[in-house]
Amino acid sequence: MDAARVVGLRQGLALLPMSAALSEAVTDAAQARRADFWNLPAGFDRVLAEWSEEGPVAYVESEYFGGVGEENVAVWRDADLTLGPLHLLEGELMPPEGTPVCRALRELGAVAGARGDEFTSVGLGEHRWTEKWLT
């Protein structure tokens, strides 16, 4: 798929940034768009479930500015939704088990490091904008 670009992360994980072109390419117009995510393309959750037959897959949305923001995640394994959807809305306290993104990363096998949580340990803090992952 020309619109897809896989980016390697630490701990054996990879990121597929959801660009506008990729979103358009994977949208199934015959499917309804899920209301519990901002940008999950219609029908893409079915694709993620299919991909998860090869290994666990997460869909992650994270938007922060100045330390304030929101997260939405879901994880599929063996074609089943196994975590989520989980949401952390602006103004909500972080749950004791960690943010939804960190919980999803743990489901994928990520481990927190001595200097930070799973998000930091896998290298997701290196770029804050989707476009930066694509360059």
N, C-alpha and C. Protein backbone atom coordinates (compact mmCIF):
# COMPACT_ATOMS: atom_id res chain seq x y z
N MET A 1 0.85 -1.17 0.00
CA MET A 1 0.00 0.00 0.00
C MET A 1 0.89 1.23 0.00
N ASP A 2 0.80 2.04 -1.02
CA ASP A 2 1.68 3.20 -1.17
C ASP A 2 1.57 4.20 -0.03
N ALA A 3 0.38 4.32 0.57
CA ALA A 3 0.17 5.32 1.61
C ALA A 3 0.70 4.89 2.97
N ALA A 4 1.11 3.63 3.11
CA ALA A 4 1.56 3.11 4.40
C ALA A 4 3.07 3.26 4.55
N ARG A 5 3.49 3.63 5.75
CA ARG A 5 4.91 3.69 6.08
C ARG A 5 5.08 3.13 7.48
N VAL A 6 5.77 2.02 7.59
CA VAL A 6 6.00 1.39 8.88
C VAL A 6 7.29 1.96 9.47
N VAL A 7 7.22 2.36 10.73
CA VAL A 7 8.36 2.95 11.43
C VAL A 7 8.73 2.02 12.58
N GLY A 8 9.98 1.61 12.64
CA GLY A 8 10.44 0.77 13.73
C GLY A 8 10.54 1.53 15.04
N LEU A 9 10.13 0.90 16.11
CA LEU A 9 10.26 1.44 17.45
C LEU A 9 11.18 0.52 18.25
N ARG A 10 11.48 0.88 19.47
CA ARG A 10 12.27 0.01 20.34
C ARG A 10 11.41 -1.14 20.85
N GLN A 11 12.07 -2.13 21.40
CA GLN A 11 11.44 -3.30 22.00
C GLN A 11 10.70 -4.16 20.96
N GLY A 12 11.13 -4.08 19.72
CA GLY A 12 10.57 -4.92 18.67
C GLY A 12 9.20 -4.50 18.17
N LEU A 13 8.78 -3.30 18.51
CA LEU A 13 7.47 -2.82 18.06
C LEU A 13 7.62 -1.94 16.82
N ALA A 14 6.52 -1.70 16.14
CA ALA A 14 6.50 -0.85 14.96
C ALA A 14 5.26 0.03 15.00
N LEU A 15 5.35 1.15 14.32
CA LEU A 15 4.28 2.14 14.25
C LEU A 15 3.88 2.32 12.80
N LEU A 16 2.60 2.36 12.54
CA LEU A 16 2.06 2.68 11.22
C LEU A 16 1.30 3.99 11.38
N PRO A 17 1.97 5.14 11.13
CA PRO A 17 1.30 6.43 11.33
C PRO A 17 0.08 6.56 10.42
N MET A 18 -1.02 7.04 10.99
CA MET A 18 -2.26 7.19 10.24
C MET A 18 -2.28 8.57 9.57
N SER A 19 -1.71 8.61 8.39
CA SER A 19 -1.73 9.84 7.59
C SER A 19 -3.10 9.99 6.93
N ALA A 20 -3.36 11.16 6.40
CA ALA A 20 -4.62 11.38 5.68
C ALA A 20 -4.72 10.44 4.48
N ALA A 21 -3.61 10.22 3.78
CA ALA A 21 -3.61 9.34 2.61
C ALA A 21 -3.90 7.90 3.01
N LEU A 22 -3.30 7.44 4.11
CA LEU A 22 -3.54 6.08 4.57
C LEU A 22 -4.99 5.93 5.02
N SER A 23 -5.48 6.90 5.75
CA SER A 23 -6.87 6.86 6.20
C SER A 23 -7.82 6.73 5.02
N GLU A 24 -7.58 7.51 4.00
CA GLU A 24 -8.42 7.44 2.81
C GLU A 24 -8.31 6.07 2.14
N ALA A 25 -7.11 5.52 2.09
CA ALA A 25 -6.88 4.24 1.42
C ALA A 25 -7.55 3.07 2.14
N VAL A 26 -7.65 3.13 3.46
CA VAL A 26 -8.19 1.99 4.21
C VAL A 26 -9.65 2.16 4.62
N THR A 27 -10.24 3.31 4.36
CA THR A 27 -11.63 3.54 4.73
C THR A 27 -12.55 2.68 3.87
N ASP A 28 -13.47 2.01 4.54
CA ASP A 28 -14.49 1.21 3.87
C ASP A 28 -15.79 2.01 3.95
N ALA A 29 -16.16 2.65 2.85
CA ALA A 29 -17.33 3.53 2.82
C ALA A 29 -18.63 2.78 3.13
N ALA A 30 -18.63 1.47 3.01
CA ALA A 30 -19.82 0.69 3.30
C ALA A 30 -20.02 0.47 4.81
N GLN A 31 -18.99 0.79 5.60
CA GLN A 31 -19.04 0.61 7.05
C GLN A 31 -19.30 1.94 7.75
N ALA A 32 -19.93 1.87 8.90
CA ALA A 32 -20.14 3.06 9.73
C ALA A 32 -18.86 3.38 10.47
N ARG A 33 -18.60 4.65 10.63
CA ARG A 33 -17.43 5.09 11.39
C ARG A 33 -17.74 4.98 12.88
N ARG A 34 -16.78 4.47 13.67
CA ARG A 34 -16.96 4.33 15.11
C ARG A 34 -16.95 5.71 15.77
N ALA A 35 -17.90 5.93 16.66
CA ALA A 35 -18.01 7.22 17.33
C ALA A 35 -17.08 7.35 18.53
N ASP A 36 -16.47 6.23 18.97
CA ASP A 36 -15.64 6.29 20.17
C ASP A 36 -14.17 6.57 19.87
N PHE A 37 -13.85 6.89 18.62
CA PHE A 37 -12.51 7.31 18.23
C PHE A 37 -12.62 8.55 17.36
N TRP A 38 -11.58 9.38 17.36
CA TRP A 38 -11.61 10.60 16.54
C TRP A 38 -11.40 10.29 15.07
N ASN A 39 -10.40 9.45 14.78
CA ASN A 39 -9.95 9.29 13.40
C ASN A 39 -9.87 7.86 12.90
N LEU A 40 -10.43 6.90 13.61
CA LEU A 40 -10.38 5.51 13.14
C LEU A 40 -11.20 5.41 11.86
N PRO A 41 -10.55 5.09 10.74
CA PRO A 41 -11.28 5.00 9.47
C PRO A 41 -12.38 3.94 9.54
N ALA A 42 -13.48 4.22 8.92
CA ALA A 42 -14.60 3.28 8.89
C ALA A 42 -14.15 1.93 8.37
N GLY A 43 -14.44 0.88 9.13
CA GLY A 43 -14.09 -0.47 8.73
C GLY A 43 -12.67 -0.89 9.05
N PHE A 44 -11.81 0.05 9.44
CA PHE A 44 -10.41 -0.29 9.70
C PHE A 44 -10.26 -1.18 10.92
N ASP A 45 -11.20 -1.10 11.86
CA ASP A 45 -11.13 -1.99 13.02
C ASP A 45 -11.22 -3.45 12.59
N ARG A 46 -11.92 -3.73 11.53
CA ARG A 46 -11.99 -5.11 11.01
C ARG A 46 -10.65 -5.53 10.41
N VAL A 47 -9.99 -4.61 9.76
CA VAL A 47 -8.66 -4.89 9.21
C VAL A 47 -7.68 -5.17 10.35
N LEU A 48 -7.73 -4.35 11.39
CA LEU A 48 -6.85 -4.55 12.54
C LEU A 48 -7.09 -5.90 13.20
N ALA A 49 -8.35 -6.28 13.31
CA ALA A 49 -8.67 -7.59 13.87
C ALA A 49 -8.06 -8.70 13.02
N GLU A 50 -8.17 -8.56 11.71
CA GLU A 50 -7.57 -9.56 10.81
C GLU A 50 -6.06 -9.61 10.96
N TRP A 51 -5.41 -8.45 10.99
CA TRP A 51 -3.96 -8.40 11.16
C TRP A 51 -3.53 -9.05 12.46
N SER A 52 -4.37 -8.94 13.49
CA SER A 52 -3.98 -9.45 14.81
C SER A 52 -3.90 -10.97 14.86
N GLU A 53 -4.31 -11.63 13.80
CA GLU A 53 -4.14 -13.08 13.76
C GLU A 53 -2.66 -13.44 13.66
N GLU A 54 -1.83 -12.48 13.23
CA GLU A 54 -0.38 -12.69 13.13
C GLU A 54 0.36 -12.22 14.39
N GLY A 55 -0.31 -11.46 15.23
CA GLY A 55 0.28 -10.92 16.45
C GLY A 55 -0.57 -9.77 16.93
N PRO A 56 -0.43 -9.36 18.18
CA PRO A 56 -1.28 -8.31 18.73
C PRO A 56 -1.08 -6.98 17.99
N VAL A 57 -2.19 -6.25 17.85
CA VAL A 57 -2.20 -4.97 17.13
C VAL A 57 -2.99 -3.97 17.97
N ALA A 58 -2.47 -2.75 18.06
CA ALA A 58 -3.16 -1.68 18.79
C ALA A 58 -3.48 -0.53 17.85
N TYR A 59 -4.60 0.10 18.08
CA TYR A 59 -4.92 1.38 17.44
C TYR A 59 -4.88 2.41 18.54
N VAL A 60 -4.10 3.46 18.34
CA VAL A 60 -3.85 4.45 19.39
C VAL A 60 -4.08 5.85 18.85
N GLU A 61 -4.85 6.63 19.60
CA GLU A 61 -5.02 8.06 19.33
C GLU A 61 -4.57 8.80 20.58
N SER A 62 -3.70 9.77 20.43
CA SER A 62 -3.19 10.53 21.56
C SER A 62 -3.00 11.98 21.11
N GLU A 63 -3.57 12.88 21.84
CA GLU A 63 -3.49 14.31 21.50
C GLU A 63 -3.23 15.08 22.77
N TYR A 64 -2.06 15.72 22.85
CA TYR A 64 -1.69 16.51 24.03
C TYR A 64 -1.12 17.84 23.60
N PHE A 65 -1.36 18.84 24.42
CA PHE A 65 -0.73 20.14 24.25
C PHE A 65 -0.53 20.72 25.64
N GLY A 66 0.71 21.04 25.96
CA GLY A 66 1.02 21.61 27.26
C GLY A 66 0.68 20.68 28.42
N GLY A 67 0.78 19.37 28.19
CA GLY A 67 0.52 18.41 29.24
C GLY A 67 -0.95 18.06 29.44
N VAL A 68 -1.83 18.67 28.65
CA VAL A 68 -3.26 18.41 28.76
C VAL A 68 -3.71 17.72 27.47
N GLY A 69 -4.50 16.65 27.61
CA GLY A 69 -4.94 15.99 26.40
C GLY A 69 -5.83 14.80 26.64
N GLU A 70 -5.95 13.98 25.59
CA GLU A 70 -6.83 12.83 25.61
C GLU A 70 -6.19 11.65 24.89
N GLU A 71 -6.67 10.45 25.21
CA GLU A 71 -6.19 9.22 24.56
C GLU A 71 -7.36 8.29 24.30
N ASN A 72 -7.27 7.56 23.20
CA ASN A 72 -8.22 6.51 22.85
C ASN A 72 -7.40 5.33 22.33
N VAL A 73 -7.67 4.12 22.82
CA VAL A 73 -6.92 2.95 22.35
C VAL A 73 -7.82 1.71 22.30
N ALA A 74 -7.39 0.77 21.50
CA ALA A 74 -7.97 -0.57 21.48
C ALA A 74 -6.88 -1.53 21.05
N VAL A 75 -6.95 -2.77 21.52
CA VAL A 75 -5.97 -3.80 21.17
C VAL A 75 -6.72 -5.05 20.73
N TRP A 76 -6.23 -5.62 19.62
CA TRP A 76 -6.77 -6.88 19.11
C TRP A 76 -5.69 -7.95 19.19
N ARG A 77 -6.11 -9.18 19.46
CA ARG A 77 -5.22 -10.34 19.49
C ARG A 77 -6.04 -11.53 18.99
N ASP A 78 -5.47 -12.29 18.06
CA ASP A 78 -6.15 -13.46 17.51
C ASP A 78 -7.55 -13.11 16.98
N ALA A 79 -7.64 -11.97 16.33
CA ALA A 79 -8.86 -11.47 15.68
C ALA A 79 -9.94 -11.01 16.65
N ASP A 80 -9.63 -10.94 17.94
CA ASP A 80 -10.60 -10.49 18.94
C ASP A 80 -10.14 -9.19 19.59
N LEU A 81 -11.08 -8.34 19.91
CA LEU A 81 -10.80 -7.14 20.68
C LEU A 81 -10.52 -7.59 22.10
N THR A 82 -9.29 -7.38 22.58
CA THR A 82 -8.90 -7.88 23.90
C THR A 82 -8.68 -6.78 24.93
N LEU A 83 -8.58 -5.54 24.50
CA LEU A 83 -8.44 -4.42 25.42
C LEU A 83 -9.16 -3.22 24.82
N GLY A 84 -10.07 -2.66 25.58
CA GLY A 84 -10.73 -1.45 25.14
C GLY A 84 -12.01 -1.68 24.38
N PRO A 85 -12.43 -0.60 23.77
CA PRO A 85 -11.76 0.70 23.72
C PRO A 85 -11.63 1.34 25.10
N LEU A 86 -10.48 1.93 25.32
CA LEU A 86 -10.19 2.69 26.54
C LEU A 86 -10.03 4.14 26.16
N HIS A 87 -10.47 5.01 27.05
CA HIS A 87 -10.39 6.45 26.80
C HIS A 87 -9.91 7.16 28.06
N LEU A 88 -9.11 8.16 27.87
CA LEU A 88 -8.73 9.07 28.94
C LEU A 88 -9.04 10.46 28.43
N LEU A 89 -10.05 11.09 29.01
CA LEU A 89 -10.50 12.39 28.53
C LEU A 89 -9.81 13.51 29.28
N GLU A 90 -9.76 14.66 28.65
CA GLU A 90 -9.14 15.84 29.27
C GLU A 90 -9.79 16.08 30.63
N GLY A 91 -8.96 16.29 31.63
CA GLY A 91 -9.44 16.57 32.97
C GLY A 91 -9.61 15.33 33.85
N GLU A 92 -9.58 14.14 33.25
CA GLU A 92 -9.69 12.93 34.05
C GLU A 92 -8.34 12.60 34.68
N LEU A 93 -8.39 12.02 35.85
CA LEU A 93 -7.16 11.58 36.51
C LEU A 93 -6.66 10.30 35.85
N MET A 94 -5.34 10.16 35.80
CA MET A 94 -4.76 8.95 35.23
C MET A 94 -5.11 7.77 36.14
N PRO A 95 -5.62 6.70 35.55
CA PRO A 95 -5.93 5.53 36.37
C PRO A 95 -4.67 4.91 36.97
N PRO A 96 -4.81 4.20 38.10
CA PRO A 96 -3.64 3.60 38.74
C PRO A 96 -2.87 2.64 37.83
N GLU A 97 -3.56 1.98 36.89
CA GLU A 97 -2.89 1.04 36.00
C GLU A 97 -2.19 1.73 34.83
N GLY A 98 -2.25 3.05 34.78
CA GLY A 98 -1.54 3.81 33.75
C GLY A 98 -2.48 4.32 32.67
N THR A 99 -1.91 5.11 31.79
CA THR A 99 -2.71 5.68 30.71
C THR A 99 -3.17 4.58 29.75
N PRO A 100 -4.22 4.83 28.99
CA PRO A 100 -4.63 3.84 27.98
C PRO A 100 -3.51 3.48 27.01
N VAL A 101 -2.71 4.45 26.60
CA VAL A 101 -1.62 4.16 25.66
C VAL A 101 -0.61 3.21 26.31
N CYS A 102 -0.23 3.47 27.54
CA CYS A 102 0.73 2.59 28.22
C CYS A 102 0.14 1.21 28.43
N ARG A 103 -1.13 1.12 28.73
CA ARG A 103 -1.77 -0.19 28.89
C ARG A 103 -1.77 -0.95 27.57
N ALA A 104 -2.05 -0.25 26.47
CA ALA A 104 -2.02 -0.90 25.15
C ALA A 104 -0.62 -1.38 24.82
N LEU A 105 0.38 -0.55 25.11
CA LEU A 105 1.76 -0.95 24.83
C LEU A 105 2.16 -2.17 25.65
N ARG A 106 1.71 -2.25 26.90
CA ARG A 106 1.99 -3.44 27.71
C ARG A 106 1.35 -4.68 27.08
N GLU A 107 0.16 -4.52 26.53
CA GLU A 107 -0.50 -5.64 25.84
C GLU A 107 0.31 -6.12 24.64
N LEU A 108 1.07 -5.21 24.04
CA LEU A 108 1.91 -5.56 22.91
C LEU A 108 3.27 -6.10 23.33
N GLY A 109 3.53 -6.09 24.64
CA GLY A 109 4.78 -6.63 25.14
C GLY A 109 5.80 -5.60 25.60
N ALA A 110 5.46 -4.32 25.53
CA ALA A 110 6.39 -3.27 25.95
C ALA A 110 6.57 -3.29 27.46
N VAL A 111 7.76 -2.88 27.88
CA VAL A 111 8.11 -2.83 29.30
C VAL A 111 8.61 -1.42 29.60
N ALA A 112 8.15 -0.86 30.70
CA ALA A 112 8.62 0.45 31.13
C ALA A 112 10.09 0.36 31.50
N GLY A 113 10.82 1.43 31.25
CA GLY A 113 12.24 1.46 31.58
C GLY A 113 12.51 2.22 32.85
N ALA A 114 13.76 2.28 33.22
CA ALA A 114 14.16 2.98 34.44
C ALA A 114 13.88 4.48 34.35
N ARG A 115 13.86 5.02 33.14
CA ARG A 115 13.68 6.47 32.97
C ARG A 115 12.29 6.87 32.51
N GLY A 116 11.37 5.93 32.40
CA GLY A 116 10.05 6.35 31.95
C GLY A 116 9.10 5.19 31.75
N ASP A 117 7.89 5.55 31.34
CA ASP A 117 6.85 4.57 31.12
C ASP A 117 7.03 3.87 29.78
N GLU A 118 6.09 3.04 29.41
CA GLU A 118 6.17 2.28 28.16
C GLU A 118 6.23 3.20 26.95
N PHE A 119 5.48 4.29 26.97
CA PHE A 119 5.47 5.27 25.88
C PHE A 119 6.88 5.76 25.59
N THR A 120 7.58 6.15 26.63
CA THR A 120 8.95 6.63 26.50
C THR A 120 9.90 5.50 26.13
N SER A 121 9.72 4.35 26.76
CA SER A 121 10.64 3.24 26.55
C SER A 121 10.67 2.71 25.12
N VAL A 122 9.52 2.75 24.43
CA VAL A 122 9.51 2.26 23.04
C VAL A 122 9.90 3.34 22.05
N GLY A 123 10.02 4.59 22.51
CA GLY A 123 10.47 5.67 21.65
C GLY A 123 9.37 6.53 21.06
N LEU A 124 8.15 6.43 21.58
CA LEU A 124 7.06 7.23 21.02
C LEU A 124 7.20 8.72 21.32
N GLY A 125 8.02 9.07 22.29
CA GLY A 125 8.22 10.47 22.61
C GLY A 125 9.15 11.20 21.65
N GLU A 126 9.71 10.49 20.69
CA GLU A 126 10.68 11.11 19.77
C GLU A 126 10.04 12.12 18.83
N HIS A 127 8.78 11.92 18.47
CA HIS A 127 8.06 12.87 17.62
C HIS A 127 6.67 13.06 18.21
N ARG A 128 6.20 14.28 18.18
CA ARG A 128 4.89 14.59 18.75
C ARG A 128 3.82 14.77 17.68
N TRP A 129 4.20 14.79 16.43
CA TRP A 129 3.25 14.99 15.34
C TRP A 129 3.34 13.83 14.37
N THR A 130 2.21 13.35 13.91
CA THR A 130 2.16 12.23 12.97
C THR A 130 3.05 12.49 11.77
N GLU A 131 3.02 13.71 11.24
CA GLU A 131 3.79 14.05 10.05
C GLU A 131 5.28 13.84 10.24
N LYS A 132 5.78 14.05 11.46
CA LYS A 132 7.20 13.88 11.74
C LYS A 132 7.62 12.40 11.64
N TRP A 133 6.70 11.48 11.96
CA TRP A 133 7.00 10.06 11.83
C TRP A 133 7.08 9.65 10.37
N LEU A 134 6.50 10.43 9.50
CA LEU A 134 6.45 10.09 8.08
C LEU A 134 7.64 10.60 7.28
N THR A 135 8.49 11.42 7.89
CA THR A 135 9.64 11.97 7.17
C THR A 135 10.90 11.18 7.43
